[in-house]
Amino acid sequence: MHELTVAKALFDLALRAAEQEGAERVLEVRVAVGELSLVNHEQLAFWFREFSRGTLLEGAELVIEWVPGEVSCPSCGYRGPLSLVDDPAYHLLLPTLRCPRCGSVVRVVRGRDCLLKSLRILKRASRPEEGAHGRG
């Protein structure tokens, strides 16, 4: 249920931003999901749609940009991608990430985040301020 939590956080951010911008409707929500976040894109999209029902985000296209993982090794200096095995156990326990070159424990440089990148919105028509027209 990791995706449920991520989808709720992204939904809350998108809704708040859309409301602050005076959106009538949200047309597109663009997010970046890191490879090492272990977020399933299909499940994320499902939960995002569920949270969006009955809100100004309902019907918005969710565009998910994939961000590749990158690690650095303090032992041998390797910096680059990591080979991941999609083992169901990793959804319960986080694996120890090892350097593909020397086998040492590595530090994640990128690819662990889930970010709201942008919204495409339809804004409400602005109304003239009361009293904006001069009085005779």
Protein backbone atom coordinates (compact mmCIF):
# COMPACT_ATOMS: atom_id res chain seq x y z
CA MET A 1 0.00 0.00 0.00
CA HIS A 2 3.05 2.24 -0.39
CA GLU A 3 1.46 3.69 -3.56
CA LEU A 4 -1.68 4.74 -1.67
CA THR A 5 0.37 6.95 0.65
CA VAL A 6 2.39 8.45 -2.21
CA ALA A 7 -0.74 9.05 -4.31
CA LYS A 8 -2.47 10.77 -1.37
CA ALA A 9 0.50 13.07 -0.77
CA LEU A 10 0.75 13.98 -4.48
CA PHE A 11 -3.02 14.49 -4.69
CA ASP A 12 -3.03 16.79 -1.64
CA LEU A 13 -0.16 18.87 -3.07
CA ALA A 14 -1.80 19.12 -6.50
CA LEU A 15 -5.21 20.05 -5.08
CA ARG A 16 -3.75 22.72 -2.80
CA ALA A 17 -1.69 24.22 -5.66
CA ALA A 18 -4.68 24.19 -8.03
CA GLU A 19 -6.91 25.90 -5.47
CA GLN A 20 -4.25 28.54 -4.77
CA GLU A 21 -4.07 29.29 -8.49
CA GLY A 22 -7.85 29.63 -8.78
CA ALA A 23 -8.24 26.58 -11.01
CA GLU A 24 -11.66 25.66 -12.29
CA ARG A 25 -10.29 22.31 -13.43
CA VAL A 26 -6.96 20.52 -13.58
CA LEU A 27 -6.11 19.17 -17.03
CA GLU A 28 -2.75 17.52 -16.33
CA VAL A 29 -0.67 16.55 -13.31
CA ARG A 30 2.99 15.79 -14.06
CA VAL A 31 5.03 13.85 -11.52
CA ALA A 32 8.54 12.41 -11.45
CA VAL A 33 8.89 8.98 -9.87
CA GLY A 34 12.31 7.59 -9.10
CA GLU A 35 13.25 4.04 -10.00
CA LEU A 36 14.49 3.41 -6.47
CA SER A 37 11.28 4.65 -4.86
CA LEU A 38 9.76 1.21 -5.57
CA VAL A 39 6.49 2.91 -6.56
CA ASN A 40 4.39 0.96 -9.05
CA HIS A 41 3.19 3.43 -11.69
CA GLU A 42 -0.10 1.62 -12.39
CA GLN A 43 -1.03 1.47 -8.71
CA LEU A 44 -0.04 5.11 -8.24
CA ALA A 45 -2.29 6.13 -11.15
CA PHE A 46 -5.16 4.03 -9.78
CA TRP A 47 -5.04 5.60 -6.31
CA PHE A 48 -4.58 9.09 -7.73
CA ARG A 49 -7.76 8.64 -9.81
CA GLU A 50 -9.62 7.38 -6.73
CA PHE A 51 -8.61 10.40 -4.64
CA SER A 52 -9.50 12.74 -7.52
CA ARG A 53 -13.14 11.67 -7.78
CA GLY A 54 -15.48 14.57 -7.16
CA THR A 55 -12.67 17.16 -7.03
CA LEU A 56 -11.28 19.61 -9.56
CA LEU A 57 -8.60 17.00 -10.29
CA GLU A 58 -11.14 14.45 -11.55
CA GLY A 59 -10.36 13.56 -15.16
CA ALA A 60 -6.89 15.14 -15.11
CA GLU A 61 -4.24 13.26 -17.05
CA LEU A 62 -1.55 11.91 -14.72
CA VAL A 63 1.79 11.99 -16.53
CA ILE A 64 4.46 9.96 -14.75
CA GLU A 65 8.07 10.65 -15.69
CA TRP A 66 10.46 7.84 -14.81
CA VAL A 67 13.71 8.96 -13.12
CA PRO A 68 16.50 6.38 -13.33
CA GLY A 69 18.35 5.46 -10.16
CA GLU A 70 21.96 6.45 -9.68
CA VAL A 71 24.37 5.45 -6.91
CA SER A 72 27.90 6.28 -5.86
CA CYS A 73 30.36 3.98 -4.17
CA PRO A 74 32.68 5.40 -1.52
CA SER A 75 35.02 2.39 -1.86
CA CYS A 76 35.83 2.24 -5.59
CA GLY A 77 34.42 5.57 -6.84
CA TYR A 78 31.78 4.02 -9.10
CA ARG A 79 28.95 6.36 -10.01
CA GLY A 80 26.12 5.18 -12.19
CA PRO A 81 23.07 2.97 -12.49
CA LEU A 82 22.28 0.09 -10.23
CA SER A 83 20.96 -3.25 -11.39
CA LEU A 84 17.71 -3.95 -9.59
CA VAL A 85 15.99 -7.29 -9.32
CA ASP A 86 12.22 -6.99 -8.88
CA ASP A 87 11.94 -9.35 -5.93
CA PRO A 88 8.56 -9.32 -4.11
CA ALA A 89 10.46 -9.37 -0.81
CA TYR A 90 11.77 -5.86 -1.60
CA HIS A 91 8.24 -4.54 -1.19
CA LEU A 92 8.37 -5.62 2.45
CA LEU A 93 12.05 -5.11 3.24
CA LEU A 94 14.47 -2.70 1.63
CA PRO A 95 17.45 -4.48 0.12
CA THR A 96 20.99 -3.36 0.90
CA LEU A 97 22.19 -1.63 -2.24
CA ARG A 98 25.60 -2.84 -3.36
CA CYS A 99 28.06 -1.50 -5.91
CA PRO A 100 27.87 -3.39 -9.22
CA ARG A 101 31.66 -3.03 -9.54
CA CYS A 102 33.08 -3.95 -6.10
CA GLY A 103 30.12 -5.09 -3.99
CA SER A 104 30.43 -2.39 -1.31
CA VAL A 105 27.41 -0.62 0.14
CA VAL A 106 26.56 2.42 -2.01
CA ARG A 107 24.92 5.80 -1.47
CA VAL A 108 21.86 6.72 -3.53
CA VAL A 109 22.46 9.88 -5.57
CA ARG A 110 19.10 10.09 -7.36
CA GLY A 111 16.01 8.13 -8.22
CA ARG A 112 14.48 7.76 -4.77
CA ASP A 113 12.01 10.67 -4.87
CA CYS A 114 8.43 11.19 -5.99
CA LEU A 115 7.90 14.82 -6.98
CA LEU A 116 5.00 16.91 -8.19
CA LYS A 117 6.56 18.73 -11.15
CA SER A 118 3.74 20.73 -12.69
CA LEU A 119 0.03 21.23 -13.20
CA ARG A 120 -1.82 22.32 -16.31
CA ILE A 121 -5.01 24.04 -15.21
CA LEU A 122 -8.08 25.77 -16.59
CA LYS A 123 -8.53 29.00 -14.63
CA ARG A 124 -11.80 30.57 -13.63
CA ALA A 125 -12.71 33.72 -15.52
CA SER A 126 -11.76 36.69 -13.37
CA ARG A 127 -14.59 38.93 -12.22
CA PRO A 128 -14.26 42.70 -12.16
CA GLU A 129 -13.96 44.06 -8.64
CA GLU A 130 -17.08 45.68 -7.23
CA GLY A 131 -16.72 49.41 -7.39
CA ALA A 132 -13.97 49.21 -9.99
CA HIS A 133 -16.02 51.33 -12.36
CA GLY A 134 -15.95 55.02 -11.57
CA ARG A 135 -19.01 56.66 -10.09
CA GLY A 136 -20.53 59.67 -11.78
